[in-house]
Amino acid sequence: MKNLYAAILMVLAALVASPQVDPSDHAPTAAQCQADMRLWLEQVKDYDSALIDHVQKGTPNNSDLSRLQVQQLARRTVEMGECAAVDPGNLSVYQDVESGLDSIRKDRYEQFVIRHKLEAQLLREDAAGIR
């Protein structure tokens, strides 16, 4: 009986952890890509400006992208990669947006490490070659 409960828990954990597939998922159109690219590029610029103000003046970064969850940032990054294939004429701009979104995600990871005081552990493990 104990093994049955363990098996059920494992299946439930796998279902919760696995990405959910939306039947409406499909490659974005070039028009949708270009609209998202323009909006998100402006949002990345706004985030960067707010981050500079935060560092220089201590003001909070309340930009639109600062309120998105990490998973939402990741989905946008994936979309920009898909858009580069759909609309190769704008490849460099898609890459710029993708890079900006990745940078914001990395900021979040860094803040998590600092907030949870994991920096010393990271440095110890890195010095030990654990990567």
N, C-alpha and C. Protein backbone atom coordinates (compact mmCIF):
# COMPACT_ATOMS: atom_id res chain seq x y z
N MET A 1 0.82 -1.18 0.00
CA MET A 1 0.00 0.00 0.00
C MET A 1 0.87 1.26 0.00
N LYS A 2 1.98 1.19 0.77
CA LYS A 2 2.89 2.33 0.85
C LYS A 2 3.47 2.64 -0.53
N ASN A 3 3.82 1.59 -1.30
CA ASN A 3 4.37 1.79 -2.64
C ASN A 3 3.34 2.40 -3.58
N LEU A 4 2.06 2.03 -3.41
CA LEU A 4 1.00 2.59 -4.24
C LEU A 4 0.89 4.09 -4.00
N TYR A 5 0.92 4.52 -2.73
CA TYR A 5 0.86 5.94 -2.42
C TYR A 5 2.07 6.67 -3.01
N ALA A 6 3.23 6.05 -2.90
CA ALA A 6 4.44 6.67 -3.44
C ALA A 6 4.33 6.82 -4.95
N ALA A 7 3.80 5.80 -5.63
CA ALA A 7 3.65 5.86 -7.08
C ALA A 7 2.65 6.94 -7.47
N ILE A 8 1.56 7.05 -6.74
CA ILE A 8 0.56 8.07 -7.04
C ILE A 8 1.15 9.46 -6.85
N LEU A 9 1.90 9.65 -5.77
CA LEU A 9 2.54 10.94 -5.52
C LEU A 9 3.53 11.29 -6.63
N MET A 10 4.28 10.30 -7.10
CA MET A 10 5.25 10.54 -8.17
C MET A 10 4.54 10.97 -9.45
N VAL A 11 3.43 10.29 -9.79
CA VAL A 11 2.68 10.64 -11.00
C VAL A 11 2.11 12.05 -10.87
N LEU A 12 1.53 12.36 -9.71
CA LEU A 12 0.99 13.70 -9.51
C LEU A 12 2.08 14.76 -9.60
N ALA A 13 3.23 14.49 -9.01
CA ALA A 13 4.34 15.44 -9.06
C ALA A 13 4.80 15.66 -10.49
N ALA A 14 4.86 14.58 -11.27
CA ALA A 14 5.28 14.70 -12.67
C ALA A 14 4.28 15.51 -13.47
N LEU A 15 2.99 15.31 -13.21
CA LEU A 15 1.97 16.07 -13.93
C LEU A 15 2.02 17.55 -13.59
N VAL A 16 2.26 17.85 -12.33
CA VAL A 16 2.33 19.25 -11.92
C VAL A 16 3.58 19.91 -12.47
N ALA A 17 4.69 19.19 -12.49
CA ALA A 17 5.97 19.77 -12.92
C ALA A 17 6.10 19.86 -14.43
N SER A 18 5.39 19.01 -15.17
CA SER A 18 5.56 19.01 -16.62
C SER A 18 4.83 20.18 -17.24
N PRO A 19 5.39 20.73 -18.33
CA PRO A 19 4.73 21.86 -18.97
C PRO A 19 3.40 21.43 -19.56
N GLN A 20 2.41 22.27 -19.40
CA GLN A 20 1.09 21.96 -19.94
C GLN A 20 1.04 22.40 -21.40
N VAL A 21 0.53 21.54 -22.24
CA VAL A 21 0.43 21.84 -23.66
C VAL A 21 -0.94 22.42 -23.94
N ASP A 22 -0.95 23.56 -24.55
CA ASP A 22 -2.19 24.22 -24.93
C ASP A 22 -2.48 23.84 -26.38
N PRO A 23 -3.65 23.23 -26.65
CA PRO A 23 -3.94 22.81 -28.01
C PRO A 23 -3.96 23.98 -28.99
N SER A 24 -4.11 25.20 -28.50
CA SER A 24 -4.11 26.35 -29.40
C SER A 24 -2.70 26.87 -29.66
N ASP A 25 -1.68 26.25 -29.04
CA ASP A 25 -0.30 26.68 -29.27
C ASP A 25 0.08 26.45 -30.73
N HIS A 26 0.62 27.49 -31.34
CA HIS A 26 1.11 27.39 -32.71
C HIS A 26 2.12 28.50 -32.91
N ALA A 27 2.86 28.41 -33.99
CA ALA A 27 3.86 29.43 -34.26
C ALA A 27 3.17 30.79 -34.43
N PRO A 28 3.76 31.83 -33.89
CA PRO A 28 3.16 33.16 -34.05
C PRO A 28 3.29 33.64 -35.50
N THR A 29 2.41 34.54 -35.88
CA THR A 29 2.49 35.12 -37.22
C THR A 29 3.52 36.24 -37.21
N ALA A 30 3.97 36.62 -38.39
CA ALA A 30 4.94 37.71 -38.49
C ALA A 30 4.34 39.00 -37.92
N ALA A 31 3.05 39.24 -38.18
CA ALA A 31 2.41 40.46 -37.67
C ALA A 31 2.38 40.46 -36.14
N GLN A 32 2.04 39.31 -35.54
CA GLN A 32 2.01 39.21 -34.08
C GLN A 32 3.42 39.38 -33.52
N CYS A 33 4.38 38.77 -34.18
CA CYS A 33 5.77 38.88 -33.74
C CYS A 33 6.23 40.33 -33.72
N GLN A 34 5.92 41.05 -34.80
CA GLN A 34 6.37 42.43 -34.90
C GLN A 34 5.70 43.31 -33.86
N ALA A 35 4.42 43.07 -33.60
CA ALA A 35 3.71 43.85 -32.58
C ALA A 35 4.30 43.58 -31.19
N ASP A 36 4.51 42.29 -30.86
CA ASP A 36 5.10 41.93 -29.57
C ASP A 36 6.50 42.48 -29.44
N MET A 37 7.28 42.38 -30.52
CA MET A 37 8.66 42.86 -30.52
C MET A 37 8.70 44.35 -30.19
N ARG A 38 7.85 45.14 -30.84
CA ARG A 38 7.86 46.59 -30.59
C ARG A 38 7.47 46.90 -29.15
N LEU A 39 6.41 46.26 -28.67
CA LEU A 39 5.96 46.49 -27.30
C LEU A 39 7.01 46.05 -26.29
N TRP A 40 7.51 44.84 -26.46
CA TRP A 40 8.44 44.28 -25.48
C TRP A 40 9.78 45.00 -25.50
N LEU A 41 10.21 45.47 -26.68
CA LEU A 41 11.45 46.24 -26.76
C LEU A 41 11.31 47.53 -25.94
N GLU A 42 10.18 48.19 -26.06
CA GLU A 42 9.94 49.40 -25.26
C GLU A 42 9.90 49.06 -23.77
N GLN A 43 9.29 47.93 -23.44
CA GLN A 43 9.23 47.53 -22.03
C GLN A 43 10.61 47.21 -21.48
N VAL A 44 11.47 46.59 -22.29
CA VAL A 44 12.84 46.31 -21.86
C VAL A 44 13.58 47.63 -21.62
N LYS A 45 13.40 48.59 -22.51
CA LYS A 45 14.04 49.90 -22.34
C LYS A 45 13.53 50.58 -21.06
N ASP A 46 12.21 50.50 -20.82
CA ASP A 46 11.64 51.09 -19.61
C ASP A 46 12.20 50.41 -18.37
N TYR A 47 12.33 49.08 -18.40
CA TYR A 47 12.89 48.34 -17.28
C TYR A 47 14.32 48.80 -17.00
N ASP A 48 15.11 48.90 -18.08
CA ASP A 48 16.51 49.31 -17.92
C ASP A 48 16.62 50.72 -17.32
N SER A 49 15.76 51.63 -17.78
CA SER A 49 15.76 53.00 -17.24
C SER A 49 15.38 53.00 -15.76
N ALA A 50 14.36 52.21 -15.42
CA ALA A 50 13.93 52.12 -14.03
C ALA A 50 15.01 51.48 -13.16
N LEU A 51 15.74 50.51 -13.73
CA LEU A 51 16.83 49.88 -12.99
C LEU A 51 17.96 50.87 -12.71
N ILE A 52 18.28 51.69 -13.69
CA ILE A 52 19.31 52.73 -13.50
C ILE A 52 18.86 53.70 -12.40
N ASP A 53 17.59 54.11 -12.45
CA ASP A 53 17.07 55.00 -11.41
C ASP A 53 17.12 54.33 -10.04
N HIS A 54 16.84 53.04 -10.01
CA HIS A 54 16.90 52.31 -8.74
C HIS A 54 18.32 52.32 -8.17
N VAL A 55 19.28 52.06 -9.02
CA VAL A 55 20.67 52.01 -8.57
C VAL A 55 21.16 53.40 -8.16
N GLN A 56 20.81 54.43 -8.94
CA GLN A 56 21.31 55.78 -8.67
C GLN A 56 20.53 56.52 -7.59
N LYS A 57 19.21 56.30 -7.54
CA LYS A 57 18.37 57.10 -6.65
C LYS A 57 17.62 56.28 -5.60
N GLY A 58 17.69 54.97 -5.73
CA GLY A 58 16.99 54.11 -4.77
C GLY A 58 15.50 53.99 -5.01
N THR A 59 15.02 54.49 -6.14
CA THR A 59 13.60 54.38 -6.44
C THR A 59 13.26 52.94 -6.85
N PRO A 60 12.07 52.47 -6.49
CA PRO A 60 11.71 51.09 -6.86
C PRO A 60 11.50 50.96 -8.37
N ASN A 61 11.82 49.79 -8.88
CA ASN A 61 11.59 49.51 -10.29
C ASN A 61 10.17 48.98 -10.43
N ASN A 62 9.26 49.84 -10.83
CA ASN A 62 7.86 49.46 -11.00
C ASN A 62 7.49 49.32 -12.47
N SER A 63 8.46 49.03 -13.30
CA SER A 63 8.18 48.88 -14.73
C SER A 63 7.29 47.66 -14.96
N ASP A 64 6.66 47.61 -16.13
CA ASP A 64 5.78 46.49 -16.47
C ASP A 64 6.49 45.14 -16.34
N LEU A 65 7.72 45.07 -16.82
CA LEU A 65 8.44 43.79 -16.81
C LEU A 65 8.85 43.37 -15.41
N SER A 66 8.99 44.33 -14.50
CA SER A 66 9.36 43.96 -13.13
C SER A 66 8.22 43.24 -12.42
N ARG A 67 7.01 43.37 -12.95
CA ARG A 67 5.86 42.72 -12.33
C ARG A 67 5.54 41.35 -12.93
N LEU A 68 6.19 41.00 -14.04
CA LEU A 68 5.94 39.70 -14.65
C LEU A 68 6.65 38.59 -13.87
N GLN A 69 6.05 37.42 -13.88
CA GLN A 69 6.68 36.25 -13.27
C GLN A 69 7.81 35.76 -14.17
N VAL A 70 8.76 35.05 -13.58
CA VAL A 70 9.90 34.53 -14.33
C VAL A 70 9.41 33.65 -15.49
N GLN A 71 8.38 32.85 -15.25
CA GLN A 71 7.86 31.98 -16.32
C GLN A 71 7.29 32.80 -17.48
N GLN A 72 6.68 33.92 -17.19
CA GLN A 72 6.16 34.78 -18.25
C GLN A 72 7.31 35.37 -19.06
N LEU A 73 8.37 35.77 -18.38
CA LEU A 73 9.55 36.27 -19.09
C LEU A 73 10.14 35.19 -19.97
N ALA A 74 10.17 33.96 -19.45
CA ALA A 74 10.72 32.83 -20.21
C ALA A 74 9.87 32.56 -21.46
N ARG A 75 8.55 32.62 -21.32
CA ARG A 75 7.68 32.39 -22.49
C ARG A 75 7.90 33.46 -23.55
N ARG A 76 8.09 34.68 -23.11
CA ARG A 76 8.35 35.76 -24.07
C ARG A 76 9.68 35.54 -24.79
N THR A 77 10.67 35.07 -24.04
CA THR A 77 11.97 34.78 -24.64
C THR A 77 11.83 33.70 -25.71
N VAL A 78 11.09 32.65 -25.39
CA VAL A 78 10.86 31.57 -26.36
C VAL A 78 10.14 32.11 -27.60
N GLU A 79 9.14 32.95 -27.37
CA GLU A 79 8.40 33.51 -28.51
C GLU A 79 9.33 34.31 -29.41
N MET A 80 10.22 35.09 -28.84
CA MET A 80 11.13 35.88 -29.67
C MET A 80 12.03 34.97 -30.50
N GLY A 81 12.42 33.82 -29.94
CA GLY A 81 13.19 32.85 -30.72
C GLY A 81 12.37 32.29 -31.87
N GLU A 82 11.10 31.99 -31.62
CA GLU A 82 10.21 31.50 -32.67
C GLU A 82 10.00 32.58 -33.73
N CYS A 83 9.89 33.81 -33.28
CA CYS A 83 9.67 34.92 -34.21
C CYS A 83 10.85 35.12 -35.15
N ALA A 84 12.05 34.88 -34.65
CA ALA A 84 13.24 35.02 -35.50
C ALA A 84 13.16 34.06 -36.68
N ALA A 85 12.55 32.89 -36.46
CA ALA A 85 12.40 31.92 -37.55
C ALA A 85 11.27 32.32 -38.49
N VAL A 86 10.20 32.89 -37.94
CA VAL A 86 9.03 33.27 -38.74
C VAL A 86 9.30 34.55 -39.54
N ASP A 87 10.07 35.46 -38.97
CA ASP A 87 10.30 36.78 -39.55
C ASP A 87 11.80 37.11 -39.51
N PRO A 88 12.61 36.39 -40.31
CA PRO A 88 14.07 36.55 -40.22
C PRO A 88 14.57 37.95 -40.59
N GLY A 89 13.76 38.75 -41.24
CA GLY A 89 14.18 40.10 -41.58
C GLY A 89 14.40 40.98 -40.36
N ASN A 90 13.81 40.60 -39.24
CA ASN A 90 13.96 41.36 -37.99
C ASN A 90 14.77 40.59 -36.94
N LEU A 91 15.59 39.67 -37.41
CA LEU A 91 16.34 38.79 -36.53
C LEU A 91 17.08 39.55 -35.43
N SER A 92 17.81 40.60 -35.79
CA SER A 92 18.64 41.28 -34.79
C SER A 92 17.78 41.94 -33.71
N VAL A 93 16.61 42.45 -34.06
CA VAL A 93 15.76 43.07 -33.05
C VAL A 93 15.16 42.00 -32.14
N TYR A 94 14.74 40.87 -32.72
CA TYR A 94 14.24 39.77 -31.89
C TYR A 94 15.32 39.32 -30.91
N GLN A 95 16.55 39.24 -31.39
CA GLN A 95 17.65 38.85 -30.51
C GLN A 95 17.88 39.88 -29.41
N ASP A 96 17.73 41.16 -29.73
CA ASP A 96 17.89 42.21 -28.72
C ASP A 96 16.83 42.07 -27.63
N VAL A 97 15.57 41.83 -28.04
CA VAL A 97 14.49 41.68 -27.06
C VAL A 97 14.73 40.43 -26.22
N GLU A 98 15.10 39.34 -26.89
CA GLU A 98 15.38 38.08 -26.20
C GLU A 98 16.50 38.27 -25.17
N SER A 99 17.54 38.97 -25.56
CA SER A 99 18.67 39.22 -24.66
C SER A 99 18.23 40.08 -23.47
N GLY A 100 17.42 41.10 -23.73
CA GLY A 100 16.92 41.95 -22.65
C GLY A 100 16.07 41.17 -21.66
N LEU A 101 15.18 40.32 -22.17
CA LEU A 101 14.33 39.51 -21.30
C LEU A 101 15.17 38.52 -20.49
N ASP A 102 16.18 37.93 -21.12
CA ASP A 102 17.09 37.02 -20.40
C ASP A 102 17.83 37.76 -19.29
N SER A 103 18.23 38.98 -19.57
CA SER A 103 18.94 39.78 -18.56
C SER A 103 18.05 40.05 -17.35
N ILE A 104 16.77 40.30 -17.60
CA ILE A 104 15.83 40.55 -16.51
C ILE A 104 15.66 39.27 -15.68
N ARG A 105 15.57 38.13 -16.36
CA ARG A 105 15.47 36.85 -15.62
C ARG A 105 16.71 36.63 -14.77
N LYS A 106 17.87 36.94 -15.31
CA LYS A 106 19.11 36.77 -14.55
C LYS A 106 19.15 37.70 -13.34
N ASP A 107 18.61 38.92 -13.51
CA ASP A 107 18.50 39.83 -12.36
C ASP A 107 17.67 39.18 -11.26
N ARG A 108 16.58 38.54 -11.65
CA ARG A 108 15.71 37.89 -10.66
C ARG A 108 16.44 36.77 -9.93
N TYR A 109 17.18 35.96 -10.69
CA TYR A 109 17.93 34.87 -10.06
C TYR A 109 18.97 35.43 -9.09
N GLU A 110 19.66 36.48 -9.51
CA GLU A 110 20.67 37.09 -8.64
C GLU A 110 20.04 37.64 -7.37
N GLN A 111 18.91 38.32 -7.51
CA GLN A 111 18.22 38.85 -6.34
C GLN A 111 17.74 37.74 -5.41
N PHE A 112 17.32 36.62 -5.99
CA PHE A 112 16.91 35.47 -5.18
C PHE A 112 18.08 34.96 -4.36
N VAL A 113 19.24 34.81 -4.99
CA VAL A 113 20.44 34.33 -4.30
C VAL A 113 20.80 35.28 -3.16
N ILE A 114 20.76 36.57 -3.44
CA ILE A 114 21.10 37.56 -2.41
C ILE A 114 20.06 37.56 -1.29
N ARG A 115 18.78 37.57 -1.66
CA ARG A 115 17.70 37.63 -0.67
C ARG A 115 17.71 36.44 0.28
N HIS A 116 18.08 35.28 -0.24
CA HIS A 116 18.09 34.06 0.58
C HIS A 116 19.49 33.73 1.12
N LYS A 117 20.39 34.71 0.97
CA LYS A 117 21.74 34.59 1.52
C LYS A 117 22.45 33.31 1.06
N LEU A 118 22.37 33.06 -0.25
CA LEU A 118 22.99 31.87 -0.83
C LEU A 118 24.30 32.19 -1.55
N GLU A 119 24.72 33.45 -1.48
CA GLU A 119 25.91 33.87 -2.20
C GLU A 119 27.17 33.13 -1.71
N ALA A 120 27.32 33.01 -0.40
CA ALA A 120 28.50 32.33 0.15
C ALA A 120 28.53 30.87 -0.30
N GLN A 121 27.37 30.22 -0.28
CA GLN A 121 27.30 28.83 -0.73
C GLN A 121 27.66 28.72 -2.21
N LEU A 122 27.16 29.63 -3.02
CA LEU A 122 27.49 29.64 -4.44
C LEU A 122 28.99 29.78 -4.64
N LEU A 123 29.61 30.71 -3.91
CA LEU A 123 31.05 30.93 -4.06
C LEU A 123 31.86 29.72 -3.61
N ARG A 124 31.43 29.09 -2.50
CA ARG A 124 32.14 27.89 -2.02
C ARG A 124 32.06 26.77 -3.05
N GLU A 125 30.85 26.51 -3.56
CA GLU A 125 30.68 25.43 -4.52
C GLU A 125 31.39 25.73 -5.83
N ASP A 126 31.37 26.98 -6.24
CA ASP A 126 32.06 27.36 -7.47
C ASP A 126 33.55 27.16 -7.32
N ALA A 127 34.12 27.55 -6.16
CA ALA A 127 35.54 27.36 -5.90
C ALA A 127 35.91 25.87 -5.88
N ALA A 128 34.94 25.04 -5.48
CA ALA A 128 35.17 23.60 -5.45
C ALA A 128 34.96 22.95 -6.81
N GLY A 129 34.58 23.76 -7.79
CA GLY A 129 34.39 23.24 -9.15
C GLY A 129 33.00 22.67 -9.41
N ILE A 130 32.08 22.89 -8.49
CA ILE A 130 30.71 22.40 -8.67
C ILE A 130 29.96 23.44 -9.48
N ARG A 131 29.59 23.03 -10.69
CA ARG A 131 28.90 23.98 -11.59
C ARG A 131 27.76 23.31 -12.29
